[in-house]
PDB file of N, CA and C in Angstrom:
ATOM      1  N   UNK A   1     131.007  90.285 112.850  1.00  0.00           N
ATOM      2  CA  UNK A   1     130.652  89.138 112.096  1.00  0.00           C
ATOM      3  C   UNK A   1     129.626  88.352 113.071  1.00  0.00           C
ATOM      4  N   UNK A   2     128.430  87.971 112.647  1.00  0.00           N
ATOM      5  CA  UNK A   2     127.447  87.219 113.231  1.00  0.00           C
ATOM      6  C   UNK A   2     127.709  85.743 112.918  1.00  0.00           C
ATOM      7  N   UNK A   3     127.841  84.954 113.999  1.00  0.00           N
ATOM      8  CA  UNK A   3     127.958  83.421 113.854  1.00  0.00           C
ATOM      9  C   UNK A   3     126.866  82.775 114.427  1.00  0.00           C
ATOM     10  N   UNK A   4     126.035  82.113 113.608  1.00  0.00           N
ATOM     11  CA  UNK A   4     124.983  81.427 114.102  1.00  0.00           C
ATOM     12  C   UNK A   4     125.358  80.108 114.925  1.00  0.00           C
ATOM     13  N   UNK A   5     124.610  79.723 115.907  1.00  0.00           N
ATOM     14  CA  UNK A   5     124.924  78.532 116.558  1.00  0.00           C
ATOM     15  C   UNK A   5     124.850  77.317 115.725  1.00  0.00           C
ATOM     16  N   UNK A   6     124.216  77.363 114.659  1.00  0.00           N
ATOM     17  CA  UNK A   6     124.064  76.228 113.698  1.00  0.00           C
ATOM     18  C   UNK A   6     125.449  76.105 112.987  1.00  0.00           C
ATOM     19  N   UNK A   7     126.194  77.189 112.974  1.00  0.00           N
ATOM     20  CA  UNK A   7     127.467  77.099 112.256  1.00  0.00           C
ATOM     21  C   UNK A   7     128.610  76.611 113.186  1.00  0.00           C
ATOM     22  N   UNK A   8     128.329  76.594 114.552  1.00  0.00           N
ATOM     23  CA  UNK A   8     129.384  76.241 115.502  1.00  0.00           C
ATOM     24  C   UNK A   8     129.502  74.581 115.606  1.00  0.00           C
ATOM     25  N   UNK A   9     130.774  74.215 115.478  1.00  0.00           N
ATOM     26  CA  UNK A   9     130.817  72.706 115.676  1.00  0.00           C
ATOM     27  C   UNK A   9     131.394  72.353 116.949  1.00  0.00           C
ATOM     28  N   UNK A  10     132.137  73.483 117.572  1.00  0.00           N
ATOM     29  CA  UNK A  10     132.798  73.163 118.995  1.00  0.00           C
ATOM     30  C   UNK A  10     132.886  74.484 119.623  1.00  0.00           C
ATOM     31  N   UNK A  11     132.740  74.610 120.874  1.00  0.00           N
ATOM     32  CA  UNK A  11     133.059  75.804 121.687  1.00  0.00           C
ATOM     33  C   UNK A  11     133.459  75.326 123.186  1.00  0.00           C
ATOM     34  N   UNK A  12     134.335  76.251 123.781  1.00  0.00           N
ATOM     35  CA  UNK A  12     134.818  75.950 125.046  1.00  0.00           C
ATOM     36  C   UNK A  12     135.236  77.307 125.713  1.00  0.00           C
ATOM     37  N   UNK A  13     135.093  77.317 126.954  1.00  0.00           N
ATOM     38  CA  UNK A  13     135.540  78.514 127.698  1.00  0.00           C
ATOM     39  C   UNK A  13     136.984  78.298 128.008  1.00  0.00           C
ATOM     40  N   UNK A  14     137.825  79.279 127.850  1.00  0.00           N
ATOM     41  CA  UNK A  14     139.311  79.146 127.988  1.00  0.00           C
ATOM     42  C   UNK A  14     139.576  80.068 129.198  1.00  0.00           C
ATOM     43  N   UNK A  15     140.332  79.498 130.037  1.00  0.00           N
ATOM     44  CA  UNK A  15     140.863  80.282 131.160  1.00  0.00           C
ATOM     45  C   UNK A  15     142.324  79.996 131.461  1.00  0.00           C
ATOM     46  N   UNK A  16     143.141  81.069 131.187  1.00  0.00           N
ATOM     47  CA  UNK A  16     144.473  80.947 131.227  1.00  0.00           C
ATOM     48  C   UNK A  16     145.057  81.595 132.606  1.00  0.00           C
ATOM     49  N   UNK A  17     146.084  80.896 133.161  1.00  0.00           N
ATOM     50  CA  UNK A  17     146.492  81.493 134.300  1.00  0.00           C
ATOM     51  C   UNK A  17     147.166  82.891 134.097  1.00  0.00           C
ATOM     52  N   UNK A  18     147.235  83.705 135.103  1.00  0.00           N
ATOM     53  CA  UNK A  18     147.561  85.014 135.062  1.00  0.00           C
ATOM     54  C   UNK A  18     148.957  85.394 134.368  1.00  0.00           C
ATOM     55  N   UNK A  19     149.972  84.595 134.728  1.00  0.00           N
ATOM     56  CA  UNK A  19     151.322  84.767 134.261  1.00  0.00           C
ATOM     57  C   UNK A  19     151.305  84.352 132.722  1.00  0.00           C
ATOM     58  N   UNK A  20     150.679  83.483 132.344  1.00  0.00           N
ATOM     59  CA  UNK A  20     150.715  83.069 130.749  1.00  0.00           C
ATOM     60  C   UNK A  20     150.020  83.983 129.974  1.00  0.00           C
ATOM     61  N   UNK A  21     149.091  84.831 130.476  1.00  0.00           N
ATOM     62  CA  UNK A  21     148.264  85.813 129.693  1.00  0.00           C
ATOM     63  C   UNK A  21     149.216  86.901 129.164  1.00  0.00           C
ATOM     64  N   UNK A  22     150.197  87.171 129.857  1.00  0.00           N
ATOM     65  CA  UNK A  22     151.117  88.349 129.346  1.00  0.00           C
ATOM     66  C   UNK A  22     152.308  87.853 128.560  1.00  0.00           C
ATOM     67  N   UNK A  23     152.339  86.650 128.227  1.00  0.00           N
ATOM     68  CA  UNK A  23     153.411  86.104 127.344  1.00  0.00           C
ATOM     69  C   UNK A  23     153.040  86.023 125.971  1.00  0.00           C
ATOM     70  N   UNK A  24     153.614  86.600 125.075  1.00  0.00           N
ATOM     71  CA  UNK A  24     153.336  86.687 123.588  1.00  0.00           C
ATOM     72  C   UNK A  24     151.961  87.143 123.265  1.00  0.00           C
ATOM     73  N   UNK A  25     151.655  88.358 123.480  1.00  0.00           N
ATOM     74  CA  UNK A  25     150.316  88.905 123.209  1.00  0.00           C
ATOM     75  C   UNK A  25     149.808  88.769 121.833  1.00  0.00           C
ATOM     76  N   UNK A  26     150.806  88.550 120.861  1.00  0.00           N
ATOM     77  CA  UNK A  26     150.318  88.548 119.436  1.00  0.00           C
ATOM     78  C   UNK A  26     150.297  87.188 119.016  1.00  0.00           C
ATOM     79  N   UNK A  27     150.291  86.210 119.863  1.00  0.00           N
ATOM     80  CA  UNK A  27     150.162  84.770 119.540  1.00  0.00           C
ATOM     81  C   UNK A  27     148.833  84.389 119.385  1.00  0.00           C
ATOM     82  N   UNK A  28     148.460  83.627 118.215  1.00  0.00           N
ATOM     83  CA  UNK A  28     147.084  83.089 118.066  1.00  0.00           C
ATOM     84  C   UNK A  28     147.349  81.492 117.868  1.00  0.00           C
ATOM     85  N   UNK A  29     146.390  80.774 118.152  1.00  0.00           N
ATOM     86  CA  UNK A  29     146.475  79.313 118.010  1.00  0.00           C
ATOM     87  C   UNK A  29     145.580  78.784 116.826  1.00  0.00           C
ATOM     88  N   UNK A  30     146.178  77.879 116.198  1.00  0.00           N
ATOM     89  CA  UNK A  30     145.425  77.219 115.053  1.00  0.00           C
ATOM     90  C   UNK A  30     144.782  78.287 114.031  1.00  0.00           C
ATOM     91  N   UNK A  31     145.502  79.348 113.783  1.00  0.00           N
ATOM     92  CA  UNK A  31     145.019  80.367 112.785  1.00  0.00           C
ATOM     93  C   UNK A  31     143.693  80.910 113.272  1.00  0.00           C
ATOM     94  N   UNK A  32     143.415  81.136 114.487  1.00  0.00           N
ATOM     95  CA  UNK A  32     142.063  81.574 114.984  1.00  0.00           C
ATOM     96  C   UNK A  32     142.115  83.179 114.757  1.00  0.00           C
ATOM     97  N   UNK A  33     140.974  83.603 114.643  1.00  0.00           N
ATOM     98  CA  UNK A  33     140.697  85.109 114.569  1.00  0.00           C
ATOM     99  C   UNK A  33     140.321  85.548 116.006  1.00  0.00           C
ATOM    100  N   UNK A  34     141.145  86.433 116.543  1.00  0.00           N
ATOM    101  CA  UNK A  34     141.088  86.748 117.940  1.00  0.00           C
ATOM    102  C   UNK A  34     140.516  88.092 118.139  1.00  0.00           C
ATOM    103  N   UNK A  35     139.519  88.316 119.068  1.00  0.00           N
ATOM    104  CA  UNK A  35     138.878  89.541 119.379  1.00  0.00           C
ATOM    105  C   UNK A  35     138.956  89.546 120.890  1.00  0.00           C
ATOM    106  N   UNK A  36     139.911  90.309 121.374  1.00  0.00           N
ATOM    107  CA  UNK A  36     140.121  90.233 122.879  1.00  0.00           C
ATOM    108  C   UNK A  36     140.710  91.451 123.390  1.00  0.00           C
ATOM    109  N   UNK A  37     140.327  91.935 124.533  1.00  0.00           N
ATOM    110  CA  UNK A  37     140.999  92.976 125.256  1.00  0.00           C
ATOM    111  C   UNK A  37     141.463  92.602 126.650  1.00  0.00           C
ATOM    112  N   UNK A  38     141.363  91.273 126.952  1.00  0.00           N
ATOM    113  CA  UNK A  38     141.654  90.779 128.281  1.00  0.00           C
ATOM    114  C   UNK A  38     142.489  89.506 128.246  1.00  0.00           C
ATOM    115  N   UNK A  39     143.562  89.384 127.333  1.00  0.00           N
ATOM    116  CA  UNK A  39     144.309  88.267 127.344  1.00  0.00           C
ATOM    117  C   UNK A  39     143.809  87.076 126.702  1.00  0.00           C
ATOM    118  N   UNK A  40     144.044  85.874 127.313  1.00  0.00           N
ATOM    119  CA  UNK A  40     143.555  84.526 126.837  1.00  0.00           C
ATOM    120  C   UNK A  40     142.444  83.953 127.594  1.00  0.00           C
ATOM    121  N   UNK A  41     141.586  84.795 128.179  1.00  0.00           N
ATOM    122  CA  UNK A  41     140.455  84.199 128.790  1.00  0.00           C
ATOM    123  C   UNK A  41     139.176  84.687 127.961  1.00  0.00           C
ATOM    124  N   UNK A  42     138.255  83.636 127.725  1.00  0.00           N
ATOM    125  CA  UNK A  42     137.152  83.912 126.901  1.00  0.00           C
ATOM    126  C   UNK A  42     136.547  82.762 126.178  1.00  0.00           C
ATOM    127  N   UNK A  43     135.996  82.847 125.116  1.00  0.00           N
ATOM    128  CA  UNK A  43     135.208  81.766 124.441  1.00  0.00           C
ATOM    129  C   UNK A  43     135.990  81.477 123.171  1.00  0.00           C
ATOM    130  N   UNK A  44     136.259  80.085 122.947  1.00  0.00           N
ATOM    131  CA  UNK A  44     137.018  79.634 121.730  1.00  0.00           C
ATOM    132  C   UNK A  44     135.916  78.889 120.923  1.00  0.00           C
ATOM    133  N   UNK A  45     135.697  79.327 119.680  1.00  0.00           N
ATOM    134  CA  UNK A  45     134.690  78.645 118.762  1.00  0.00           C
ATOM    135  C   UNK A  45     135.396  78.105 117.571  1.00  0.00           C
ATOM    136  N   UNK A  46     134.837  76.987 117.090  1.00  0.00           N
ATOM    137  CA  UNK A  46     135.321  76.390 115.830  1.00  0.00           C
ATOM    138  C   UNK A  46     133.988  76.237 115.051  1.00  0.00           C
ATOM    139  N   UNK A  47     133.964  76.771 113.827  1.00  0.00           N
ATOM    140  CA  UNK A  47     132.881  76.569 112.913  1.00  0.00           C
ATOM    141  C   UNK A  47     132.862  75.321 112.112  1.00  0.00           C
ATOM    142  N   UNK A  48     131.753  74.892 111.532  1.00  0.00           N
ATOM    143  CA  UNK A  48     131.781  73.745 110.789  1.00  0.00           C
ATOM    144  C   UNK A  48     132.625  73.731 109.595  1.00  0.00           C
ATOM    145  N   UNK A  49     132.850  75.042 109.103  1.00  0.00           N
ATOM    146  CA  UNK A  49     133.827  75.168 107.896  1.00  0.00           C
ATOM    147  C   UNK A  49     135.256  75.210 108.308  1.00  0.00           C
ATOM    148  N   UNK A  50     135.576  75.069 109.557  1.00  0.00           N
ATOM    149  CA  UNK A  50     136.943  74.988 110.153  1.00  0.00           C
ATOM    150  C   UNK A  50     137.534  76.323 110.553  1.00  0.00           C
ATOM    151  N   UNK A  51     136.773  77.462 110.506  1.00  0.00           N
ATOM    152  CA  UNK A  51     137.211  78.798 111.087  1.00  0.00           C
ATOM    153  C   UNK A  51     137.435  78.796 112.509  1.00  0.00           C
ATOM    154  N   UNK A  52     138.337  79.383 113.099  1.00  0.00           N
ATOM    155  CA  UNK A  52     138.396  79.460 114.526  1.00  0.00           C
ATOM    156  C   UNK A  52     138.407  80.824 115.013  1.00  0.00           C
ATOM    157  N   UNK A  53     137.662  81.059 116.143  1.00  0.00           N
ATOM    158  CA  UNK A  53     137.591  82.376 116.718  1.00  0.00           C
ATOM    159  C   UNK A  53     137.706  82.397 118.142  1.00  0.00           C
ATOM    160  N   UNK A  54     138.352  83.406 118.727  1.00  0.00           N
ATOM    161  CA  UNK A  54     138.514  83.605 120.196  1.00  0.00           C
ATOM    162  C   UNK A  54     137.936  84.975 120.444  1.00  0.00           C
ATOM    163  N   UNK A  55     137.027  84.894 121.420  1.00  0.00           N
ATOM    164  CA  UNK A  55     136.321  86.175 121.850  1.00  0.00           C
ATOM    165  C   UNK A  55     136.594  86.339 123.350  1.00  0.00           C
ATOM    166  N   UNK A  56     137.465  87.313 123.718  1.00  0.00           N
ATOM    167  CA  UNK A  56     137.941  87.573 124.934  1.00  0.00           C
ATOM    168  C   UNK A  56     136.705  88.031 125.889  1.00  0.00           C
ATOM    169  N   UNK A  57     136.868  87.679 127.186  1.00  0.00           N
ATOM    170  CA  UNK A  57     135.950  88.174 128.132  1.00  0.00           C
ATOM    171  C   UNK A  57     136.705  88.345 129.491  1.00  0.00           C
ATOM    172  N   UNK A  58     136.452  89.231 130.304  1.00  0.00           N
ATOM    173  CA  UNK A  58     137.032  89.383 131.588  1.00  0.00           C
ATOM    174  C   UNK A  58     135.981  88.934 132.713  1.00  0.00           C
ATOM    175  N   UNK A  59     134.848  88.474 132.143  1.00  0.00           N
ATOM    176  CA  UNK A  59     133.806  87.876 133.053  1.00  0.00           C
ATOM    177  C   UNK A  59     133.424  86.414 132.692  1.00  0.00           C
ATOM    178  N   UNK A  60     134.250  85.575 132.947  1.00  0.00           N
ATOM    179  CA  UNK A  60     134.209  84.180 132.428  1.00  0.00           C
ATOM    180  C   UNK A  60     132.996  83.445 133.067  1.00  0.00           C
ATOM    181  N   UNK A  61     132.773  83.677 134.362  1.00  0.00           N
ATOM    182  CA  UNK A  61     131.699  82.984 135.090  1.00  0.00           C
ATOM    183  C   UNK A  61     130.308  83.406 134.428  1.00  0.00           C
ATOM    184  N   UNK A  62     130.105  84.767 134.204  1.00  0.00           N
ATOM    185  CA  UNK A  62     128.882  85.123 133.437  1.00  0.00           C
ATOM    186  C   UNK A  62     128.772  84.693 132.111  1.00  0.00           C
ATOM    187  N   UNK A  63     129.867  84.593 131.372  1.00  0.00           N
ATOM    188  CA  UNK A  63     129.863  84.087 130.109  1.00  0.00           C
ATOM    189  C   UNK A  63     129.393  82.595 130.059  1.00  0.00           C
ATOM    190  N   UNK A  64     130.031  81.983 131.011  1.00  0.00           N
ATOM    191  CA  UNK A  64     129.611  80.400 131.095  1.00  0.00           C
ATOM    192  C   UNK A  64     128.177  80.219 131.514  1.00  0.00           C
ATOM    193  N   UNK A  65     127.605  81.015 132.339  1.00  0.00           N
ATOM    194  CA  UNK A  65     126.220  80.971 132.796  1.00  0.00           C
ATOM    195  C   UNK A  65     125.336  81.278 131.430  1.00  0.00           C
ATOM    196  N   UNK A  66     125.736  82.257 130.739  1.00  0.00           N
ATOM    197  CA  UNK A  66     124.917  82.639 129.616  1.00  0.00           C
ATOM    198  C   UNK A  66     125.009  81.467 128.488  1.00  0.00           C
ATOM    199  N   UNK A  67     126.147  80.930 128.334  1.00  0.00           N
ATOM    200  CA  UNK A  67     126.307  79.768 127.363  1.00  0.00           C
ATOM    201  C   UNK A  67     125.439  78.640 127.851  1.00  0.00           C
ATOM    202  N   UNK A  68     125.395  78.316 129.143  1.00  0.00           N
ATOM    203  CA  UNK A  68     124.528  77.265 129.526  1.00  0.00           C
ATOM    204  C   UNK A  68     123.120  77.440 129.337  1.00  0.00           C
ATOM    205  N   UNK A  69     122.576  78.679 129.448  1.00  0.00           N
ATOM    206  CA  UNK A  69     121.255  78.928 129.143  1.00  0.00           C
ATOM    207  C   UNK A  69     121.059  78.809 127.599  1.00  0.00           C
ATOM    208  N   UNK A  70     121.841  79.121 126.816  1.00  0.00           N
ATOM    209  CA  UNK A  70     121.647  79.019 125.243  1.00  0.00           C
ATOM    210  C   UNK A  70     121.780  77.567 124.859  1.00  0.00           C
ATOM    211  N   UNK A  71     122.753  76.792 125.436  1.00  0.00           N
ATOM    212  CA  UNK A  71     123.068  75.494 124.948  1.00  0.00           C
ATOM    213  C   UNK A  71     122.196  74.396 125.542  1.00  0.00           C
ATOM    214  N   UNK A  72     121.429  74.664 126.510  1.00  0.00           N
ATOM    215  CA  UNK A  72     120.685  73.631 127.153  1.00  0.00           C
ATOM    216  C   UNK A  72     119.223  73.615 126.666  1.00  0.00           C
TER     217      UNK A  72
END
């Protein structure tokens, strides 16, 4: 699914400590759609129509740098 930045109302980088990542692998928060292969680290997005997405990433610093380039 393609999500345009115009559709995004909120985004944040989520970094969960190591032990918490392995608790409840099937848990989602606020009915989010989750795309992840690396636990609870990644990008959390909320669209203007209220849908929530979580996109997992094992390279949070690189993801943060890329987002800063796009959002500034």
